[in-house]
Amino acid sequence: MISTPNRRRAVALVEEAMAQGARQEKACALLGISARTYQRWTREGGIEPDRRPEAPRPAPANRLSEAERERILEVCNQPEYASLPPSQIVPLLADAGDYVASESTFYRVLGEAGQLHRRGRAQAPKRPSKPKSYRATGPNQVWSWDITYLASAIRGAFYRLYLVMDIYSRKVVGWEVHEQERADLAAGLVRRACLAEGITHPGLVLHADNGAPMKGATLMATLQHLGVVPSFSRPSVSNDNPYSESLFRTLKYTPAWPNKPFESLEAARAWVHEFVSWYNGTHRHSALKFVTPNERHEGRDKSILAQRKAVYEAARKRHPERWSGATRNWEPVGEVWLNPDQPKAIAGPENERIAA
């Protein structure tokens, strides 16, 4: 719809173009209107206003009358229906031989009257808030842990692998295999991992999902005693714990993964021991510019990547014609974020690793 002032301006432009010898049809086409539209606008020597908003329109035949709307509200507010939703009210009315309106009409009228809310004692579902963001600028600042199943030789029975990793270096800092999932077993694992890594300062963040062992009273008490800050994923959101999930995929898709279930608990522990030794000391992690987790954890990645950069620069000097741009980026990976805010997490004042 074109307003009257814009119509006047368009007519003036067309008339100016025609006065200079342009054809009416061509001048109108430049403005994006047809010659018929221009002629209609200038009918009887004046600019014809757009009457479409003011045009009389017949009321829809199926529109409810005010009495019918009041009837719907009256029915919904009766004591026997006050705690029921329209999906329950409409069938009850039909059983009583009364048809007032359709279910969707009930919902629409209640919504327009501000009465569309949960009836009874049921509370509206709450959307869990996103977990805090944590930034790791060095090892032993943010850990992530989880439990995964390892199949046993007995059908339907599984061993549980408890595995704790450092998200900055991706190093596995603690692991154990047990037959049950218990908070006291997790507490012992975390205590031993902190001892092995020499954690003496409070503020270490330990992130996990919402499983029972992760929130057990024994583990929570242990974390409080050690000065470890617990962090949890949202319920049923695996993306909130991506580092542990990624590590479990690496574990179960490695070529060394056994083709048959583990014969015993000792066999499972022996295999996991070999895997962790390979993962920490031999596996070159793609997210770490292909250095091992141990090298990253111990700070040796910077010198290794600097040496790689020097090798590439030397190769480029020997054959500059083979390089169309810069050499491969071997700069060390900087800070690592857990569940960063969008577009960028902001560090909080109370802890430089905790984002607001």
Protein backbone atom coordinates (compact mmCIF):
# COMPACT_ATOMS: atom_id res chain seq x y z
CA MET A 1 0.00 0.00 0.00
CA ILE A 2 1.43 3.38 -1.10
CA SER A 3 0.58 6.42 1.01
CA THR A 4 -1.00 9.55 -0.49
CA PRO A 5 2.20 11.71 -0.11
CA ASN A 6 4.21 9.07 -1.96
CA ARG A 7 1.56 8.93 -4.66
CA ARG A 8 1.79 12.70 -5.15
CA ARG A 9 5.58 12.50 -5.43
CA ALA A 10 5.37 9.65 -7.96
CA VAL A 11 2.79 11.52 -10.07
CA ALA A 12 4.98 14.64 -10.03
CA LEU A 13 8.00 12.64 -11.20
CA VAL A 14 6.05 11.00 -14.00
CA GLU A 15 4.63 14.33 -15.16
CA GLU A 16 8.10 15.89 -15.11
CA ALA A 17 9.48 13.04 -17.19
CA MET A 18 6.60 13.27 -19.66
CA ALA A 19 7.11 17.05 -19.98
CA GLN A 20 10.67 16.31 -21.11
CA GLY A 21 9.48 13.91 -23.77
CA ALA A 22 9.42 10.55 -21.99
CA ARG A 23 6.65 8.06 -22.61
CA GLN A 24 4.17 7.55 -19.79
CA GLU A 25 4.63 3.78 -19.71
CA LYS A 26 8.44 4.00 -19.53
CA ALA A 27 8.36 6.69 -16.82
CA CYS A 28 5.97 4.62 -14.71
CA ALA A 29 8.09 1.50 -15.15
CA LEU A 30 11.13 3.31 -13.67
CA LEU A 31 9.10 3.95 -10.51
CA GLY A 32 7.86 0.38 -10.32
CA ILE A 33 4.22 1.14 -11.12
CA SER A 34 2.10 0.48 -14.19
CA ALA A 35 0.60 3.11 -16.47
CA ARG A 36 -2.88 1.95 -15.41
CA THR A 37 -2.00 2.63 -11.78
CA TYR A 38 -0.80 6.14 -12.65
CA GLN A 39 -4.02 6.79 -14.58
CA ARG A 40 -6.13 5.58 -11.69
CA TRP A 41 -4.26 7.81 -9.25
CA THR A 42 -4.82 10.90 -11.42
CA ARG A 43 -8.44 10.20 -12.29
CA GLU A 44 -10.66 13.32 -12.43
CA GLY A 45 -7.64 15.61 -12.04
CA GLY A 46 -6.71 14.78 -8.42
CA ILE A 47 -4.71 12.21 -6.46
CA GLU A 48 -7.05 9.41 -5.50
CA PRO A 49 -6.36 8.25 -1.92
CA ASP A 50 -5.98 4.60 -1.08
CA ARG A 51 -9.26 3.55 0.44
CA ARG A 52 -8.33 -0.04 1.16
CA PRO A 53 -7.96 0.41 4.95
CA GLU A 54 -11.29 2.23 5.00
CA ALA A 55 -13.10 -0.15 2.69
CA PRO A 56 -16.17 -1.72 4.28
CA ARG A 57 -15.72 -5.39 4.98
CA PRO A 58 -18.44 -7.76 6.04
CA ALA A 59 -18.00 -9.38 9.41
CA PRO A 60 -17.04 -13.08 9.23
CA ALA A 61 -20.08 -15.30 9.39
CA ASN A 62 -18.47 -17.52 12.03
CA ARG A 63 -17.50 -14.71 14.42
CA LEU A 64 -18.65 -15.21 17.99
CA SER A 65 -21.08 -12.73 19.46
CA GLU A 66 -20.30 -11.02 22.74
CA ALA A 67 -22.93 -13.16 24.42
CA GLU A 68 -21.25 -16.33 23.17
CA ARG A 69 -17.86 -15.14 24.40
CA GLU A 70 -19.31 -14.35 27.80
CA ARG A 71 -20.89 -17.80 27.82
CA ILE A 72 -17.48 -19.45 27.29
CA LEU A 73 -15.90 -17.46 30.13
CA GLU A 74 -18.87 -18.20 32.38
CA VAL A 75 -18.58 -21.94 31.76
CA CYS A 76 -14.82 -22.00 32.34
CA ASN A 77 -15.18 -20.13 35.64
CA GLN A 78 -17.83 -22.44 37.06
CA PRO A 79 -16.57 -24.32 40.13
CA GLU A 80 -16.73 -27.74 38.46
CA TYR A 81 -14.62 -26.52 35.51
CA ALA A 82 -12.37 -23.93 37.17
CA SER A 83 -9.45 -26.36 37.58
CA LEU A 84 -9.79 -28.03 34.15
CA PRO A 85 -8.28 -27.07 30.78
CA PRO A 86 -10.48 -26.67 27.68
CA SER A 87 -9.34 -30.09 26.46
CA GLN A 88 -11.23 -31.53 29.47
CA ILE A 89 -14.11 -29.06 29.56
CA VAL A 90 -15.31 -29.54 25.97
CA PRO A 91 -15.77 -33.36 26.21
CA LEU A 92 -17.57 -32.96 29.56
CA LEU A 93 -19.98 -30.48 28.01
CA ALA A 94 -20.56 -32.85 25.10
CA ASP A 95 -21.35 -35.68 27.54
CA ALA A 96 -23.94 -33.38 29.11
CA GLY A 97 -25.48 -32.69 25.69
CA ASP A 98 -24.18 -29.11 25.51
CA TYR A 99 -21.98 -27.66 22.76
CA VAL A 100 -20.70 -24.16 23.44
CA ALA A 101 -17.71 -23.86 21.08
CA SER A 102 -14.73 -25.81 19.83
CA GLU A 103 -11.69 -26.51 21.99
CA SER A 104 -9.51 -24.09 20.00
CA THR A 105 -12.15 -21.37 20.44
CA PHE A 106 -12.13 -21.94 24.19
CA TYR A 107 -8.35 -21.50 24.23
CA ARG A 108 -8.52 -18.35 22.08
CA VAL A 109 -11.24 -16.68 24.16
CA LEU A 110 -9.47 -17.52 27.43
CA GLY A 111 -6.24 -16.13 26.05
CA GLU A 112 -7.85 -12.87 24.95
CA ALA A 113 -9.44 -12.53 28.41
CA GLY A 114 -6.12 -13.13 30.17
CA GLN A 115 -7.35 -16.37 31.73
CA LEU A 116 -5.27 -18.83 29.76
CA HIS A 117 -2.98 -20.31 32.39
CA ARG A 118 -2.27 -23.66 33.98
CA ARG A 119 -5.20 -24.79 36.02
CA GLY A 120 -4.98 -26.83 39.18
CA ARG A 121 -1.71 -27.18 41.09
CA ALA A 122 0.47 -28.05 38.10
CA GLN A 123 3.33 -25.61 37.60
CA ALA A 124 4.54 -24.42 34.24
CA PRO A 125 7.66 -26.29 33.09
CA LYS A 126 10.84 -24.39 33.86
CA ARG A 127 13.54 -24.18 31.27
CA PRO A 128 16.85 -24.90 33.01
CA SER A 129 19.32 -22.08 32.72
CA LYS A 130 22.58 -22.58 30.88
CA PRO A 131 25.46 -23.61 33.17
CA LYS A 132 28.17 -21.12 34.00
CA SER A 133 31.03 -20.68 31.60
CA TYR A 134 34.52 -21.52 32.76
CA ARG A 135 37.83 -20.52 31.20
CA ALA A 136 41.01 -22.52 31.60
CA THR A 137 44.26 -20.69 30.91
CA GLY A 138 46.45 -23.46 32.27
CA PRO A 139 46.37 -27.02 33.62
CA ASN A 140 44.45 -28.00 36.75
CA GLN A 141 41.94 -25.16 36.53
CA VAL A 142 38.89 -26.87 35.02
CA TRP A 143 38.29 -30.62 35.04
CA SER A 144 35.49 -32.63 33.50
CA TRP A 145 34.40 -36.11 34.48
CA ASP A 146 31.77 -38.70 33.62
CA ILE A 147 30.99 -42.43 33.77
CA THR A 148 30.61 -44.75 30.80
CA TYR A 149 29.73 -48.43 30.48
CA LEU A 150 32.14 -51.19 29.50
CA ALA A 151 30.46 -54.41 28.41
CA SER A 152 31.24 -57.52 30.42
CA ALA A 153 31.12 -61.17 29.35
CA ILE A 154 27.81 -61.53 31.20
CA ARG A 155 24.89 -60.39 29.04
CA GLY A 156 23.24 -57.31 30.50
CA ALA A 157 26.05 -56.64 32.97
CA PHE A 158 28.48 -53.76 32.60
CA TYR A 159 31.54 -52.32 34.27
CA ARG A 160 31.63 -48.60 34.98
CA LEU A 161 34.58 -46.49 33.87
CA TYR A 162 35.02 -43.33 35.97
CA LEU A 163 37.21 -40.90 34.05
CA VAL A 164 38.42 -37.39 34.96
CA MET A 165 40.15 -35.14 32.41
CA ASP A 166 41.68 -31.67 32.33
CA ILE A 167 39.95 -29.64 29.61
CA TYR A 168 42.99 -27.38 29.08
CA SER A 169 45.41 -30.19 28.25
CA ARG A 170 42.88 -33.00 27.60
CA LYS A 171 44.98 -35.13 29.95
CA VAL A 172 43.27 -37.96 31.81
CA VAL A 173 44.15 -37.03 35.40
CA GLY A 174 42.25 -39.87 37.05
CA TRP A 175 40.34 -43.02 36.20
CA GLU A 176 38.96 -46.14 37.85
CA VAL A 177 36.77 -49.09 36.79
CA HIS A 178 34.13 -50.42 39.18
CA GLU A 179 31.06 -52.61 39.10
CA GLN A 180 28.70 -49.97 40.53
CA GLU A 181 27.99 -46.25 40.25
CA ARG A 182 28.42 -44.76 43.71
CA ALA A 183 29.19 -41.30 45.00
CA ASP A 184 31.74 -42.61 47.50
CA LEU A 185 33.73 -44.25 44.68
CA ALA A 186 33.68 -40.98 42.75
CA ALA A 187 34.78 -39.10 45.86
CA GLY A 188 37.78 -41.40 46.28
CA LEU A 189 38.74 -40.95 42.63
CA VAL A 190 38.62 -37.16 42.83
CA ARG A 191 40.62 -37.15 46.07
CA ARG A 192 43.35 -39.32 44.54
CA ALA A 193 43.42 -37.27 41.33
CA CYS A 194 43.89 -34.06 43.30
CA LEU A 195 46.70 -35.70 45.28
CA ALA A 196 48.41 -36.96 42.11
CA GLU A 197 48.24 -33.52 40.47
CA GLY A 198 49.32 -31.70 43.62
CA ILE A 199 46.17 -29.60 43.91
CA THR A 200 46.70 -27.45 46.99
CA HIS A 201 44.80 -24.25 46.14
CA PRO A 202 40.99 -23.90 46.17
CA GLY A 203 39.12 -22.94 43.02
CA LEU A 204 39.53 -26.02 40.83
CA VAL A 205 36.28 -26.50 38.86
CA LEU A 206 34.94 -30.04 38.42
CA HIS A 207 32.19 -30.30 35.78
CA ALA A 208 29.85 -33.28 35.41
CA ASP A 209 26.35 -34.17 34.32
CA ASN A 210 23.34 -34.67 36.61
CA GLY A 211 23.78 -38.36 37.45
CA ALA A 212 23.24 -39.64 40.98
CA PRO A 213 26.96 -40.32 41.65
CA MET A 214 27.80 -36.79 40.45
CA LYS A 215 25.46 -35.18 42.99
CA GLY A 216 25.79 -37.64 45.86
CA ALA A 217 26.29 -36.25 49.36
CA THR A 218 29.62 -38.04 49.83
CA LEU A 219 31.11 -36.50 46.69
CA MET A 220 29.74 -33.04 47.49
CA ALA A 221 31.26 -33.17 50.96
CA THR A 222 34.60 -34.27 49.51
CA LEU A 223 34.61 -31.43 46.98
CA GLN A 224 33.85 -28.91 49.70
CA HIS A 225 36.68 -30.28 51.83
CA LEU A 226 39.12 -30.09 48.89
CA GLY A 227 37.99 -26.60 47.84
CA VAL A 228 36.76 -27.86 44.46
CA VAL A 229 33.92 -25.96 42.78
CA PRO A 230 31.21 -28.31 41.43
CA SER A 231 29.59 -27.55 38.07
CA PHE A 232 26.73 -29.42 36.42
CA SER A 233 25.16 -29.78 32.99
CA ARG A 234 21.52 -29.12 32.30
CA PRO A 235 19.31 -32.20 32.60
CA SER A 236 19.40 -34.33 29.42
CA VAL A 237 21.79 -31.95 27.63
CA SER A 238 24.93 -33.89 26.72
CA ASN A 239 26.43 -30.88 24.91
CA ASP A 240 27.05 -29.24 28.28
CA ASN A 241 29.76 -31.83 28.98
CA PRO A 242 31.44 -32.04 25.57
CA TYR A 243 35.00 -32.87 26.59
CA SER A 244 34.11 -36.06 28.46
CA GLU A 245 31.71 -37.12 25.71
CA SER A 246 34.42 -36.61 23.09
CA LEU A 247 36.94 -38.57 25.14
CA PHE A 248 34.55 -41.50 25.50
CA ARG A 249 34.08 -41.55 21.72
CA THR A 250 37.87 -41.63 21.23
CA LEU A 251 38.09 -44.46 23.74
CA LYS A 252 35.43 -46.64 22.12
CA TYR A 253 36.44 -45.97 18.51
CA THR A 254 40.16 -46.46 18.89
CA PRO A 255 41.49 -49.41 16.82
CA ALA A 256 42.66 -51.05 20.04
CA TRP A 257 39.09 -51.31 21.38
CA PRO A 258 38.47 -55.04 22.00
CA ASN A 259 36.06 -56.87 19.72
CA LYS A 260 34.68 -58.93 22.60
CA PRO A 261 33.35 -57.89 26.01
CA PHE A 262 35.77 -57.83 28.92
CA GLU A 263 36.09 -61.19 30.65
CA SER A 264 36.64 -59.72 34.10
CA LEU A 265 36.98 -56.51 36.06
CA GLU A 266 40.76 -56.95 36.06
CA ALA A 267 40.79 -57.29 32.26
CA ALA A 268 38.80 -54.05 31.89
CA ARG A 269 41.16 -52.21 34.22
CA ALA A 270 44.22 -53.51 32.38
CA TRP A 271 42.85 -52.36 29.01
CA VAL A 272 41.90 -48.90 30.31
CA HIS A 273 45.39 -48.57 31.83
CA GLU A 274 46.94 -49.20 28.41
CA PHE A 275 44.54 -46.78 26.74
CA VAL A 276 45.22 -43.94 29.19
CA SER A 277 48.98 -44.42 28.83
CA TRP A 278 48.64 -44.21 25.05
CA TYR A 279 46.18 -41.31 25.12
CA ASN A 280 48.20 -39.14 27.50
CA GLY A 281 51.66 -39.93 26.20
CA THR A 282 51.38 -40.92 22.53
CA HIS A 283 48.11 -39.68 21.05
CA ARG A 284 48.56 -36.33 19.28
CA HIS A 285 45.36 -34.42 19.89
CA SER A 286 43.91 -32.53 16.92
CA ALA A 287 42.52 -29.76 19.16
CA LEU A 288 45.99 -29.18 20.64
CA LYS A 289 47.81 -28.68 17.30
CA PHE A 290 48.76 -32.36 17.41
CA VAL A 291 50.77 -32.45 20.61
CA THR A 292 50.09 -35.04 23.29
CA PRO A 293 48.04 -34.20 26.40
CA ASN A 294 51.12 -34.78 28.57
CA GLU A 295 53.15 -32.29 26.51
CA ARG A 296 50.39 -29.71 26.78
CA HIS A 297 49.87 -30.38 30.51
CA GLU A 298 53.58 -29.97 31.25
CA GLY A 299 53.97 -26.84 29.09
CA ARG A 300 56.26 -28.48 26.53
CA ASP A 301 53.84 -27.81 23.65
CA LYS A 302 55.16 -24.28 23.08
CA SER A 303 58.71 -25.38 22.30
CA ILE A 304 57.48 -28.30 20.17
CA LEU A 305 55.23 -26.06 18.09
CA ALA A 306 57.96 -23.42 17.78
CA GLN A 307 60.29 -26.09 16.38
CA ARG A 308 57.63 -27.18 13.87
CA LYS A 309 57.19 -23.59 12.79
CA ALA A 310 60.95 -23.25 12.24
CA VAL A 311 60.97 -26.44 10.14
CA TYR A 312 58.18 -25.09 7.93
CA GLU A 313 59.85 -21.70 7.55
CA ALA A 314 63.09 -23.38 6.51
CA ALA A 315 61.24 -25.51 3.96
CA ARG A 316 59.59 -22.41 2.56
CA LYS A 317 62.95 -20.67 2.15
CA ARG A 318 64.35 -23.65 0.26
CA HIS A 319 61.42 -23.75 -2.18
CA PRO A 320 59.50 -20.45 -2.04
CA GLU A 321 57.78 -21.27 -5.33
CA ARG A 322 55.89 -24.08 -3.65
CA TRP A 323 54.22 -21.80 -1.10
CA SER A 324 51.38 -19.54 -2.15
CA GLY A 325 50.88 -17.99 1.29
CA ALA A 326 51.86 -18.33 4.91
CA THR A 327 53.05 -21.60 6.36
CA ARG A 328 50.87 -23.78 8.50
CA ASN A 329 49.73 -22.20 11.75
CA TRP A 330 51.70 -23.82 14.56
CA GLU A 331 50.87 -21.21 17.21
CA PRO A 332 50.03 -22.80 20.58
CA VAL A 333 46.37 -23.12 21.54
CA GLY A 334 45.40 -20.44 24.03
CA GLU A 335 42.63 -20.48 26.61
CA VAL A 336 39.95 -23.18 26.60
CA TRP A 337 36.30 -22.50 27.45
CA LEU A 338 33.73 -24.83 28.94
CA ASN A 339 30.19 -23.92 27.84
CA PRO A 340 31.12 -20.41 26.67
CA ASP A 341 28.45 -17.74 26.51
CA GLN A 342 27.48 -16.34 23.15
CA PRO A 343 29.00 -14.50 21.47
CA LYS A 344 31.79 -14.38 24.06
CA ALA A 345 32.01 -15.37 27.68
CA ILE A 346 32.91 -12.62 30.11
CA ALA A 347 35.10 -13.32 33.10
CA GLY A 348 33.53 -12.65 36.47
CA PRO A 349 35.16 -10.53 39.18
CA GLU A 350 35.20 -13.23 41.83
CA ASN A 351 37.22 -15.74 39.81
CA GLU A 352 38.97 -14.94 36.55
CA ARG A 353 38.10 -18.43 35.25
CA ILE A 354 34.38 -18.05 35.96
CA ALA A 355 32.30 -16.17 33.43
CA ALA A 356 29.28 -14.19 34.46
